PDB file of all heavy atoms in Angstrom:
ATOM      1  N   PRO A   1      35.514 -14.831   8.043  1.00  0.00           N
ATOM      2  CA  PRO A   1      35.822 -16.259   7.983  1.00  0.00           C
ATOM      3  C   PRO A   1      34.567 -17.133   7.959  1.00  0.00           C
ATOM      4  O   PRO A   1      34.561 -18.194   7.348  1.00  0.00           O
ATOM      5  CB  PRO A   1      36.644 -16.500   9.251  1.00  0.00           C
ATOM      6  CG  PRO A   1      37.314 -15.188   9.482  1.00  0.00           C
ATOM      7  CD  PRO A   1      36.253 -14.169   9.112  1.00  0.00           C
ATOM      8  N   PHE A   2      33.500 -16.678   8.597  1.00  0.00           N
ATOM      9  CA  PHE A   2      32.232 -17.418   8.562  1.00  0.00           C
ATOM     10  C   PHE A   2      31.609 -17.329   7.168  1.00  0.00           C
ATOM     11  O   PHE A   2      31.072 -18.311   6.659  1.00  0.00           O
ATOM     12  CB  PHE A   2      31.265 -16.847   9.606  1.00  0.00           C
ATOM     13  CG  PHE A   2      29.955 -17.577   9.671  1.00  0.00           C
ATOM     14  CD1 PHE A   2      29.800 -18.663  10.509  1.00  0.00           C
ATOM     15  CD2 PHE A   2      28.885 -17.181   8.887  1.00  0.00           C
ATOM     16  CE1 PHE A   2      28.589 -19.352  10.564  1.00  0.00           C
ATOM     17  CE2 PHE A   2      27.678 -17.858   8.931  1.00  0.00           C
ATOM     18  CZ  PHE A   2      27.531 -18.941   9.769  1.00  0.00           C
ATOM     19  N   ILE A   3      31.702 -16.158   6.560  1.00  0.00           N
ATOM     20  CA  ILE A   3      31.087 -15.925   5.244  1.00  0.00           C
ATOM     21  C   ILE A   3      31.891 -16.583   4.128  1.00  0.00           C
ATOM     22  O   ILE A   3      31.324 -17.119   3.172  1.00  0.00           O
ATOM     23  CB  ILE A   3      30.944 -14.408   4.991  1.00  0.00           C
ATOM     24  CG1 ILE A   3      29.989 -13.803   6.017  1.00  0.00           C
ATOM     25  CG2 ILE A   3      30.454 -14.133   3.573  1.00  0.00           C
ATOM     26  CD1 ILE A   3      29.970 -12.289   6.037  1.00  0.00           C
ATOM     27  N   PHE A   4      33.210 -16.553   4.239  1.00  0.00           N
ATOM     28  CA  PHE A   4      34.099 -17.113   3.213  1.00  0.00           C
ATOM     29  C   PHE A   4      35.022 -18.171   3.834  1.00  0.00           C
ATOM     30  O   PHE A   4      36.244 -17.994   3.893  1.00  0.00           O
ATOM     31  CB  PHE A   4      34.942 -16.004   2.582  1.00  0.00           C
ATOM     32  CG  PHE A   4      34.141 -14.915   1.942  1.00  0.00           C
ATOM     33  CD1 PHE A   4      34.060 -13.660   2.531  1.00  0.00           C
ATOM     34  CD2 PHE A   4      33.453 -15.141   0.756  1.00  0.00           C
ATOM     35  CE1 PHE A   4      33.320 -12.644   1.943  1.00  0.00           C
ATOM     36  CE2 PHE A   4      32.712 -14.133   0.156  1.00  0.00           C
ATOM     37  CZ  PHE A   4      32.640 -12.883   0.753  1.00  0.00           C
ATOM     38  N   PRO A   5      34.463 -19.295   4.287  1.00  0.00           N
ATOM     39  CA  PRO A   5      35.297 -20.279   4.988  1.00  0.00           C
ATOM     40  C   PRO A   5      36.401 -20.881   4.139  1.00  0.00           C
ATOM     41  O   PRO A   5      37.476 -21.204   4.669  1.00  0.00           O
ATOM     42  CB  PRO A   5      34.293 -21.347   5.434  1.00  0.00           C
ATOM     43  CG  PRO A   5      33.111 -21.182   4.537  1.00  0.00           C
ATOM     44  CD  PRO A   5      33.081 -19.731   4.172  1.00  0.00           C
ATOM     45  N   GLU A   6      36.188 -21.022   2.829  1.00  0.00           N
ATOM     46  CA  GLU A   6      37.224 -21.624   1.982  1.00  0.00           C
ATOM     47  C   GLU A   6      38.460 -20.724   1.921  1.00  0.00           C
ATOM     48  O   GLU A   6      39.596 -21.211   1.987  1.00  0.00           O
ATOM     49  CB  GLU A   6      36.699 -21.882   0.554  1.00  0.00           C
ATOM     50  CG  GLU A   6      35.543 -22.856   0.480  1.00  0.00           C
ATOM     51  CD  GLU A   6      34.180 -22.198   0.712  1.00  0.00           C
ATOM     52  OE1 GLU A   6      34.087 -20.941   0.752  1.00  0.00           O
ATOM     53  OE2 GLU A   6      33.199 -22.934   0.879  1.00  0.00           O
ATOM     54  N   ILE A   7      38.238 -19.431   1.795  1.00  0.00           N
ATOM     55  CA  ILE A   7      39.350 -18.481   1.748  1.00  0.00           C
ATOM     56  C   ILE A   7      40.068 -18.452   3.099  1.00  0.00           C
ATOM     57  O   ILE A   7      41.294 -18.441   3.170  1.00  0.00           O
ATOM     58  CB  ILE A   7      38.855 -17.074   1.338  1.00  0.00           C
ATOM     59  CG1 ILE A   7      38.309 -17.128  -0.089  1.00  0.00           C
ATOM     60  CG2 ILE A   7      39.966 -16.040   1.485  1.00  0.00           C
ATOM     61  CD1 ILE A   7      37.577 -15.876  -0.515  1.00  0.00           C
ATOM     62  N   TYR A   8      39.282 -18.455   4.163  1.00  0.00           N
ATOM     63  CA  TYR A   8      39.852 -18.463   5.512  1.00  0.00           C
ATOM     64  C   TYR A   8      40.719 -19.703   5.720  1.00  0.00           C
ATOM     65  O   TYR A   8      41.853 -19.613   6.190  1.00  0.00           O
ATOM     66  CB  TYR A   8      38.728 -18.402   6.548  1.00  0.00           C
ATOM     67  CG  TYR A   8      39.206 -18.487   7.967  1.00  0.00           C
ATOM     68  CD1 TYR A   8      39.799 -17.396   8.589  1.00  0.00           C
ATOM     69  CD2 TYR A   8      39.071 -19.665   8.706  1.00  0.00           C
ATOM     70  CE1 TYR A   8      40.241 -17.475   9.903  1.00  0.00           C
ATOM     71  CE2 TYR A   8      39.502 -19.749  10.010  1.00  0.00           C
ATOM     72  CZ  TYR A   8      40.087 -18.652  10.604  1.00  0.00           C
ATOM     73  OH  TYR A   8      40.528 -18.727  11.894  1.00  0.00           O
ATOM     74  N   GLU A   9      40.193 -20.870   5.353  1.00  0.00           N
ATOM     75  CA  GLU A   9      40.936 -22.124   5.527  1.00  0.00           C
ATOM     76  C   GLU A   9      42.226 -22.124   4.710  1.00  0.00           C
ATOM     77  O   GLU A   9      43.254 -22.615   5.177  1.00  0.00           O
ATOM     78  CB  GLU A   9      40.076 -23.330   5.139  1.00  0.00           C
ATOM     79  CG  GLU A   9      38.965 -23.626   6.115  1.00  0.00           C
ATOM     80  CD  GLU A   9      39.449 -23.982   7.512  1.00  0.00           C
ATOM     81  OE1 GLU A   9      40.579 -24.497   7.670  1.00  0.00           O
ATOM     82  OE2 GLU A   9      38.698 -23.730   8.462  1.00  0.00           O
ATOM     83  N   LEU A  10      42.181 -21.568   3.505  1.00  0.00           N
ATOM     84  CA  LEU A  10      43.388 -21.475   2.688  1.00  0.00           C
ATOM     85  C   LEU A  10      44.434 -20.589   3.369  1.00  0.00           C
ATOM     86  O   LEU A  10      45.624 -20.910   3.389  1.00  0.00           O
ATOM     87  CB  LEU A  10      43.058 -20.938   1.297  1.00  0.00           C
ATOM     88  CG  LEU A  10      44.240 -20.781   0.341  1.00  0.00           C
ATOM     89  CD1 LEU A  10      44.947 -22.115   0.112  1.00  0.00           C
ATOM     90  CD2 LEU A  10      43.775 -20.180  -0.972  1.00  0.00           C
ATOM     91  N   GLY A  11      43.982 -19.486   3.929  1.00  0.00           N
ATOM     92  CA  GLY A  11      44.901 -18.599   4.653  1.00  0.00           C
ATOM     93  C   GLY A  11      45.529 -19.291   5.852  1.00  0.00           C
ATOM     94  O   GLY A  11      46.740 -19.190   6.073  1.00  0.00           O
ATOM     95  N   ILE A  12      44.714 -20.014   6.621  1.00  0.00           N
ATOM     96  CA  ILE A  12      45.228 -20.747   7.781  1.00  0.00           C
ATOM     97  C   ILE A  12      46.226 -21.815   7.329  1.00  0.00           C
ATOM     98  O   ILE A  12      47.293 -21.980   7.914  1.00  0.00           O
ATOM     99  CB  ILE A  12      44.070 -21.387   8.576  1.00  0.00           C
ATOM    100  CG1 ILE A  12      43.157 -20.318   9.188  1.00  0.00           C
ATOM    101  CG2 ILE A  12      44.600 -22.336   9.651  1.00  0.00           C
ATOM    102  CD1 ILE A  12      43.817 -19.430  10.205  1.00  0.00           C
ATOM    103  N   LYS A  13      45.885 -22.518   6.258  1.00  0.00           N
ATOM    104  CA  LYS A  13      46.770 -23.555   5.713  1.00  0.00           C
ATOM    105  C   LYS A  13      48.116 -22.951   5.320  1.00  0.00           C
ATOM    106  O   LYS A  13      49.175 -23.502   5.630  1.00  0.00           O
ATOM    107  CB  LYS A  13      46.104 -24.206   4.502  1.00  0.00           C
ATOM    108  CG  LYS A  13      46.938 -25.270   3.833  1.00  0.00           C
ATOM    109  CD  LYS A  13      46.185 -25.865   2.644  1.00  0.00           C
ATOM    110  CE  LYS A  13      47.000 -26.957   2.013  1.00  0.00           C
ATOM    111  NZ  LYS A  13      47.417 -26.660   0.653  1.00  0.00           N
ATOM    112  N   ASN A  14      48.090 -21.799   4.641  1.00  0.00           N
ATOM    113  CA  ASN A  14      49.332 -21.143   4.225  1.00  0.00           C
ATOM    114  C   ASN A  14      50.163 -20.676   5.419  1.00  0.00           C
ATOM    115  O   ASN A  14      51.385 -20.797   5.419  1.00  0.00           O
ATOM    116  CB  ASN A  14      49.038 -19.971   3.297  1.00  0.00           C
ATOM    117  CG  ASN A  14      48.589 -20.425   1.926  1.00  0.00           C
ATOM    118  OD1 ASN A  14      48.865 -21.541   1.503  1.00  0.00           O
ATOM    119  ND2 ASN A  14      47.868 -19.567   1.229  1.00  0.00           N
ATOM    120  N   LEU A  15      49.492 -20.132   6.419  1.00  0.00           N
ATOM    121  CA  LEU A  15      50.216 -19.699   7.619  1.00  0.00           C
ATOM    122  C   LEU A  15      50.914 -20.881   8.285  1.00  0.00           C
ATOM    123  O   LEU A  15      52.034 -20.755   8.783  1.00  0.00           O
ATOM    124  CB  LEU A  15      49.265 -19.026   8.607  1.00  0.00           C
ATOM    125  CG  LEU A  15      48.748 -17.654   8.194  1.00  0.00           C
ATOM    126  CD1 LEU A  15      47.618 -17.209   9.113  1.00  0.00           C
ATOM    127  CD2 LEU A  15      49.870 -16.632   8.194  1.00  0.00           C
ATOM    128  N   ARG A  16      50.254 -22.038   8.282  1.00  0.00           N
ATOM    129  CA  ARG A  16      50.842 -23.229   8.898  1.00  0.00           C
ATOM    130  C   ARG A  16      51.943 -23.835   8.029  1.00  0.00           C
ATOM    131  O   ARG A  16      53.019 -24.158   8.528  1.00  0.00           O
ATOM    132  CB  ARG A  16      49.754 -24.273   9.152  1.00  0.00           C
ATOM    133  CG  ARG A  16      48.868 -23.938  10.319  1.00  0.00           C
ATOM    134  CD  ARG A  16      47.905 -25.070  10.641  1.00  0.00           C
ATOM    135  NE  ARG A  16      47.166 -24.757  11.853  1.00  0.00           N
ATOM    136  CZ  ARG A  16      45.854 -24.818  11.962  1.00  0.00           C
ATOM    137  NH1 ARG A  16      45.117 -25.226  10.956  1.00  0.00           N
ATOM    138  NH2 ARG A  16      45.270 -24.508  13.104  1.00  0.00           N
ATOM    139  N   GLU A  17      51.647 -24.025   6.742  1.00  0.00           N
ATOM    140  CA  GLU A  17      52.559 -24.771   5.884  1.00  0.00           C
ATOM    141  C   GLU A  17      53.718 -23.935   5.332  1.00  0.00           C
ATOM    142  O   GLU A  17      54.845 -24.417   5.261  1.00  0.00           O
ATOM    143  CB  GLU A  17      51.792 -25.420   4.733  1.00  0.00           C
ATOM    144  CG  GLU A  17      50.847 -26.500   5.218  1.00  0.00           C
ATOM    145  CD  GLU A  17      50.044 -27.146   4.104  1.00  0.00           C
ATOM    146  OE1 GLU A  17      50.274 -26.839   2.916  1.00  0.00           O
ATOM    147  OE2 GLU A  17      49.158 -27.962   4.433  1.00  0.00           O
ATOM    148  N   ILE A  18      53.445 -22.714   4.944  1.00  0.00           N
ATOM    149  CA  ILE A  18      54.496 -21.876   4.357  1.00  0.00           C
ATOM    150  C   ILE A  18      55.323 -21.189   5.441  1.00  0.00           C
ATOM    151  O   ILE A  18      56.554 -21.226   5.420  1.00  0.00           O
ATOM    152  CB  ILE A  18      53.891 -20.841   3.384  1.00  0.00           C
ATOM    153  CG1 ILE A  18      53.241 -21.565   2.192  1.00  0.00           C
ATOM    154  CG2 ILE A  18      54.958 -19.853   2.920  1.00  0.00           C
ATOM    155  CD1 ILE A  18      52.419 -20.674   1.294  1.00  0.00           C
ATOM    156  N   PHE A  19      54.645 -20.566   6.386  1.00  0.00           N
ATOM    157  CA  PHE A  19      55.352 -19.814   7.426  1.00  0.00           C
ATOM    158  C   PHE A  19      55.646 -20.647   8.670  1.00  0.00           C
ATOM    159  O   PHE A  19      56.409 -20.228   9.532  1.00  0.00           O
ATOM    160  CB  PHE A  19      54.552 -18.566   7.811  1.00  0.00           C
ATOM    161  CG  PHE A  19      54.416 -17.591   6.687  1.00  0.00           C
ATOM    162  CD1 PHE A  19      53.250 -17.521   5.943  1.00  0.00           C
ATOM    163  CD2 PHE A  19      55.460 -16.752   6.348  1.00  0.00           C
ATOM    164  CE1 PHE A  19      53.116 -16.623   4.894  1.00  0.00           C
ATOM    165  CE2 PHE A  19      55.344 -15.845   5.304  1.00  0.00           C
ATOM    166  CZ  PHE A  19      54.172 -15.784   4.572  1.00  0.00           C
ATOM    167  N   GLU A  20      54.995 -21.817   8.771  1.00  0.00           N
ATOM    168  CA  GLU A  20      55.165 -22.733   9.893  1.00  0.00           C
ATOM    169  C   GLU A  20      54.787 -22.105  11.228  1.00  0.00           C
ATOM    170  O   GLU A  20      55.415 -22.370  12.260  1.00  0.00           O
ATOM    171  CB  GLU A  20      56.596 -23.279   9.922  1.00  0.00           C
ATOM    172  CG  GLU A  20      56.955 -24.053   8.671  1.00  0.00           C
ATOM    173  CD  GLU A  20      58.382 -24.557   8.669  1.00  0.00           C
ATOM    174  OE1 GLU A  20      59.033 -24.590   9.742  1.00  0.00           O
ATOM    175  OE2 GLU A  20      58.863 -24.922   7.580  1.00  0.00           O
ATOM    176  N   PHE A  21      53.753 -21.253  11.211  1.00  0.00           N
ATOM    177  CA  PHE A  21      53.249 -20.649  12.439  1.00  0.00           C
ATOM    178  C   PHE A  21      52.319 -21.622  13.157  1.00  0.00           C
ATOM    179  O   PHE A  21      51.632 -22.425  12.526  1.00  0.00           O
ATOM    180  CB  PHE A  21      52.468 -19.367  12.149  1.00  0.00           C
ATOM    181  CG  PHE A  21      53.308 -18.225  11.638  1.00  0.00           C
ATOM    182  CD1 PHE A  21      52.752 -17.291  10.784  1.00  0.00           C
ATOM    183  CD2 PHE A  21      54.623 -18.063  12.010  1.00  0.00           C
ATOM    184  CE1 PHE A  21      53.497 -16.227  10.309  1.00  0.00           C
ATOM    185  CE2 PHE A  21      55.385 -17.000  11.541  1.00  0.00           C
ATOM    186  CZ  PHE A  21      54.813 -16.080  10.690  1.00  0.00           C
ATOM    187  N   GLU A  22      52.290 -21.511  14.459  1.00  0.00           N
ATOM    188  CA  GLU A  22      51.292 -22.216  15.254  1.00  0.00           C
ATOM    189  C   GLU A  22      50.090 -21.285  15.363  1.00  0.00           C
ATOM    190  O   GLU A  22      50.225 -20.152  15.827  1.00  0.00           O
ATOM    191  CB  GLU A  22      51.844 -22.546  16.639  1.00  0.00           C
ATOM    192  CG  GLU A  22      50.862 -23.300  17.501  1.00  0.00           C
ATOM    193  CD  GLU A  22      51.404 -23.624  18.874  1.00  0.00           C
ATOM    194  OE1 GLU A  22      52.639 -23.624  19.062  1.00  0.00           O
ATOM    195  OE2 GLU A  22      50.576 -23.872  19.758  1.00  0.00           O
ATOM    196  N   ILE A  23      48.944 -21.746  14.935  1.00  0.00           N
ATOM    197  CA  ILE A  23      47.749 -20.905  14.878  1.00  0.00           C
ATOM    198  C   ILE A  23      46.900 -21.117  16.123  1.00  0.00           C
ATOM    199  O   ILE A  23      46.566 -22.253  16.477  1.00  0.00           O
ATOM    200  CB  ILE A  23      46.919 -21.222  13.610  1.00  0.00           C
ATOM    201  CG1 ILE A  23      47.768 -21.023  12.354  1.00  0.00           C
ATOM    202  CG2 ILE A  23      45.645 -20.401  13.579  1.00  0.00           C
ATOM    203  CD1 ILE A  23      48.342 -19.641  12.186  1.00  0.00           C
ATOM    204  N   ILE A  24      46.546 -20.021  16.760  1.00  0.00           N
ATOM    205  CA  ILE A  24      45.650 -20.026  17.909  1.00  0.00           C
ATOM    206  C   ILE A  24      44.383 -19.285  17.481  1.00  0.00           C
ATOM    207  O   ILE A  24      44.405 -18.063  17.311  1.00  0.00           O
ATOM    208  CB  ILE A  24      46.280 -19.303  19.131  1.00  0.00           C
ATOM    209  CG1 ILE A  24      47.689 -19.807  19.424  1.00  0.00           C
ATOM    210  CG2 ILE A  24      45.361 -19.385  20.336  1.00  0.00           C
ATOM    211  CD1 ILE A  24      47.795 -21.252  19.807  1.00  0.00           C
ATOM    212  N   GLU A  25      43.311 -20.011  17.259  1.00  0.00           N
ATOM    213  CA  GLU A  25      42.049 -19.372  16.864  1.00  0.00           C
ATOM    214  C   GLU A  25      41.293 -18.948  18.117  1.00  0.00           C
ATOM    215  O   GLU A  25      40.926 -19.774  18.940  1.00  0.00           O
ATOM    216  CB  GLU A  25      41.193 -20.322  16.035  1.00  0.00           C
ATOM    217  CG  GLU A  25      41.746 -20.577  14.660  1.00  0.00           C
ATOM    218  CD  GLU A  25      40.811 -21.403  13.813  1.00  0.00           C
ATOM    219  OE1 GLU A  25      39.915 -20.828  13.184  1.00  0.00           O
ATOM    220  OE2 GLU A  25      40.980 -22.635  13.807  1.00  0.00           O
ATOM    221  N   MET A  26      41.081 -17.662  18.225  1.00  0.00           N
ATOM    222  CA  MET A  26      40.340 -17.131  19.360  1.00  0.00           C
ATOM    223  C   MET A  26      38.837 -17.348  19.122  1.00  0.00           C
ATOM    224  O   MET A  26      38.420 -17.718  18.022  1.00  0.00           O
ATOM    225  CB  MET A  26      40.672 -15.649  19.550  1.00  0.00           C
ATOM    226  CG  MET A  26      42.160 -15.348  19.704  1.00  0.00           C
ATOM    227  SD  MET A  26      42.946 -16.146  21.111  1.00  0.00           S
ATOM    228  CE  MET A  26      42.440 -15.040  22.415  1.00  0.00           C
ATOM    229  N   THR A  27      38.040 -17.104  20.132  1.00  0.00           N
ATOM    230  CA  THR A  27      36.597 -17.345  20.087  1.00  0.00           C
ATOM    231  C   THR A  27      35.926 -16.700  18.883  1.00  0.00           C
ATOM    232  O   THR A  27      35.057 -17.294  18.244  1.00  0.00           O
ATOM    233  CB  THR A  27      35.936 -16.818  21.384  1.00  0.00           C
ATOM    234  OG1 THR A  27      36.584 -17.412  22.500  1.00  0.00           O
ATOM    235  CG2 THR A  27      34.463 -17.146  21.424  1.00  0.00           C
ATOM    236  N   THR A  28      36.330 -15.502  18.538  1.00  0.00           N
ATOM    237  CA  THR A  28      35.663 -14.761  17.468  1.00  0.00           C
ATOM    238  C   THR A  28      36.095 -15.178  16.067  1.00  0.00           C
ATOM    239  O   THR A  28      35.483 -14.757  15.085  1.00  0.00           O
ATOM    240  CB  THR A  28      35.934 -13.247  17.594  1.00  0.00           C
ATOM    241  OG1 THR A  28      37.348 -13.014  17.544  1.00  0.00           O
ATOM    242  CG2 THR A  28      35.330 -12.688  18.866  1.00  0.00           C
ATOM    243  N   ALA A  29      37.129 -15.995  15.949  1.00  0.00           N
ATOM    244  CA  ALA A  29      37.720 -16.280  14.643  1.00  0.00           C
ATOM    245  C   ALA A  29      36.702 -16.727  13.596  1.00  0.00           C
ATOM    246  O   ALA A  29      36.745 -16.288  12.455  1.00  0.00           O
ATOM    247  CB  ALA A  29      38.823 -17.328  14.779  1.00  0.00           C
ATOM    248  N   ARG A  30      35.763 -17.574  13.961  1.00  0.00           N
ATOM    249  CA  ARG A  30      34.805 -18.121  12.987  1.00  0.00           C
ATOM    250  C   ARG A  30      33.356 -17.760  13.297  1.00  0.00           C
ATOM    251  O   ARG A  30      32.436 -18.380  12.766  1.00  0.00           O
ATOM    252  CB  ARG A  30      34.930 -19.636  12.938  1.00  0.00           C
ATOM    253  CG  ARG A  30      36.289 -20.121  12.479  1.00  0.00           C
ATOM    254  CD  ARG A  30      36.364 -21.636  12.591  1.00  0.00           C
ATOM    255  NE  ARG A  30      37.679 -22.134  12.299  1.00  0.00           N
ATOM    256  CZ  ARG A  30      38.019 -22.703  11.145  1.00  0.00           C
ATOM    257  NH1 ARG A  30      37.148 -22.836  10.183  1.00  0.00           N
ATOM    258  NH2 ARG A  30      39.250 -23.141  10.967  1.00  0.00           N
ATOM    259  N   MET A  31      33.151 -16.777  14.148  1.00  0.00           N
ATOM    260  CA  MET A  31      31.785 -16.432  14.553  1.00  0.00           C
ATOM    261  C   MET A  31      30.973 -15.822  13.408  1.00  0.00           C
ATOM    262  O   MET A  31      31.518 -15.126  12.546  1.00  0.00           O
ATOM    263  CB  MET A  31      31.801 -15.457  15.733  1.00  0.00           C
ATOM    264  CG  MET A  31      32.139 -16.104  17.050  1.00  0.00           C
ATOM    265  SD  MET A  31      32.141 -14.926  18.426  1.00  0.00           S
ATOM    266  CE  MET A  31      30.394 -14.813  18.749  1.00  0.00           C
ATOM    267  N   HIS A  32      29.690 -16.064  13.453  1.00  0.00           N
ATOM    268  CA  HIS A  32      28.740 -15.471  12.504  1.00  0.00           C
ATOM    269  C   HIS A  32      28.737 -13.947  12.708  1.00  0.00           C
ATOM    270  O   HIS A  32      28.841 -13.468  13.849  1.00  0.00           O
ATOM    271  CB  HIS A  32      27.351 -16.055  12.765  1.00  0.00           C
ATOM    272  CG  HIS A  32      26.337 -15.649  11.756  1.00  0.00           C
ATOM    273  ND1 HIS A  32      25.712 -14.423  11.780  1.00  0.00           N
ATOM    274  CD2 HIS A  32      25.851 -16.308  10.685  1.00  0.00           C
ATOM    275  CE1 HIS A  32      24.872 -14.343  10.776  1.00  0.00           C
ATOM    276  NE2 HIS A  32      24.932 -15.479  10.087  1.00  0.00           N
ATOM    277  N   PRO A  33      28.613 -13.177  11.636  1.00  0.00           N
ATOM    278  CA  PRO A  33      28.607 -11.716  11.769  1.00  0.00           C
ATOM    279  C   PRO A  33      27.573 -11.181  12.762  1.00  0.00           C
ATOM    280  O   PRO A  33      27.843 -10.226  13.491  1.00  0.00           O
ATOM    281  CB  PRO A  33      28.302 -11.223  10.352  1.00  0.00           C
ATOM    282  CG  PRO A  33      28.771 -12.316   9.463  1.00  0.00           C
ATOM    283  CD  PRO A  33      28.546 -13.594  10.230  1.00  0.00           C
ATOM    284  N   ASP A  34      26.390 -11.794  12.807  1.00  0.00           N
ATOM    285  CA  ASP A  34      25.368 -11.337  13.764  1.00  0.00           C
ATOM    286  C   ASP A  34      25.797 -11.592  15.205  1.00  0.00           C
ATOM    287  O   ASP A  34      25.550 -10.767  16.084  1.00  0.00           O
ATOM    288  CB  ASP A  34      24.027 -12.023  13.486  1.00  0.00           C
ATOM    289  CG  ASP A  34      23.400 -11.579  12.179  1.00  0.00           C
ATOM    290  OD1 ASP A  34      23.746 -10.482  11.684  1.00  0.00           O
ATOM    291  OD2 ASP A  34      22.557 -12.334  11.642  1.00  0.00           O
ATOM    292  N   GLU A  35      26.445 -12.727  15.448  1.00  0.00           N
ATOM    293  CA  GLU A  35      26.946 -13.028  16.795  1.00  0.00           C
ATOM    294  C   GLU A  35      28.000 -12.003  17.205  1.00  0.00           C
ATOM    295  O   GLU A  35      28.012 -11.532  18.344  1.00  0.00           O
ATOM    296  CB  GLU A  35      27.558 -14.419  16.851  1.00  0.00           C
ATOM    297  CG  GLU A  35      26.564 -15.559  16.800  1.00  0.00           C
ATOM    298  CD  GLU A  35      27.280 -16.885  16.879  1.00  0.00           C
ATOM    299  OE1 GLU A  35      27.737 -17.351  15.819  1.00  0.00           O
ATOM    300  OE2 GLU A  35      27.387 -17.434  18.000  1.00  0.00           O
ATOM    301  N   LEU A  36      28.885 -11.684  16.267  1.00  0.00           N
ATOM    302  CA  LEU A  36      29.910 -10.675  16.561  1.00  0.00           C
ATOM    303  C   LEU A  36      29.272  -9.328  16.894  1.00  0.00           C
ATOM    304  O   LEU A  36      29.641  -8.680  17.867  1.00  0.00           O
ATOM    305  CB  LEU A  36      30.851 -10.519  15.372  1.00  0.00           C
ATOM    306  CG  LEU A  36      31.826 -11.660  15.130  1.00  0.00           C
ATOM    307  CD1 LEU A  36      32.495 -11.505  13.775  1.00  0.00           C
ATOM    308  CD2 LEU A  36      32.869 -11.711  16.232  1.00  0.00           C
ATOM    309  N   TYR A  37      28.308  -8.932  16.082  1.00  0.00           N
ATOM    310  CA  TYR A  37      27.642  -7.646  16.282  1.00  0.00           C
ATOM    311  C   TYR A  37      26.943  -7.585  17.641  1.00  0.00           C
ATOM    312  O   TYR A  37      26.993  -6.567  18.330  1.00  0.00           O
ATOM    313  CB  TYR A  37      26.635  -7.408  15.148  1.00  0.00           C
ATOM    314  CG  TYR A  37      25.868  -6.122  15.295  1.00  0.00           C
ATOM    315  CD1 TYR A  37      26.439  -4.913  14.909  1.00  0.00           C
ATOM    316  CD2 TYR A  37      24.581  -6.107  15.820  1.00  0.00           C
ATOM    317  CE1 TYR A  37      25.743  -3.726  15.048  1.00  0.00           C
ATOM    318  CE2 TYR A  37      23.876  -4.923  15.959  1.00  0.00           C
ATOM    319  CZ  TYR A  37      24.456  -3.728  15.577  1.00  0.00           C
ATOM    320  OH  TYR A  37      23.764  -2.560  15.731  1.00  0.00           O
ATOM    321  N   ASN A  38      26.316  -8.685  18.021  1.00  0.00           N
ATOM    322  CA  ASN A  38      25.520  -8.711  19.254  1.00  0.00           C
ATOM    323  C   ASN A  38      26.334  -8.999  20.509  1.00  0.00           C
ATOM    324  O   ASN A  38      25.775  -8.985  21.610  1.00  0.00           O
ATOM    325  CB  ASN A  38      24.395  -9.743  19.127  1.00  0.00           C
ATOM    326  CG  ASN A  38      23.354  -9.317  18.119  1.00  0.00           C
ATOM    327  OD1 ASN A  38      22.983  -8.150  18.055  1.00  0.00           O
ATOM    328  ND2 ASN A  38      22.893 -10.256  17.317  1.00  0.00           N
ATOM    329  N   ASN A  39      27.622  -9.249  20.373  1.00  0.00           N
ATOM    330  CA  ASN A  39      28.451  -9.603  21.528  1.00  0.00           C
ATOM    331  C   ASN A  39      29.754  -8.803  21.578  1.00  0.00           C
ATOM    332  O   ASN A  39      30.844  -9.362  21.447  1.00  0.00           O
ATOM    333  CB  ASN A  39      28.769 -11.102  21.492  1.00  0.00           C
ATOM    334  CG  ASN A  39      27.542 -11.947  21.710  1.00  0.00           C
ATOM    335  OD1 ASN A  39      27.016 -11.988  22.805  1.00  0.00           O
ATOM    336  ND2 ASN A  39      27.088 -12.601  20.653  1.00  0.00           N
TER     337      ASN A  39
END
C-alpha cells in the first residue's frame, strides 16, 4: 500500500462503496516496507 497508494486507495474505496464495509486500518496498513521489515 505504501508503494502503490493509488491501487490501495481504489481497493479501500471499493470495499466501502460497493461492499459497504467499515474499514479499520491497522498500524501496518500503510507502513513503508523498510519499517515493516525492521519492526
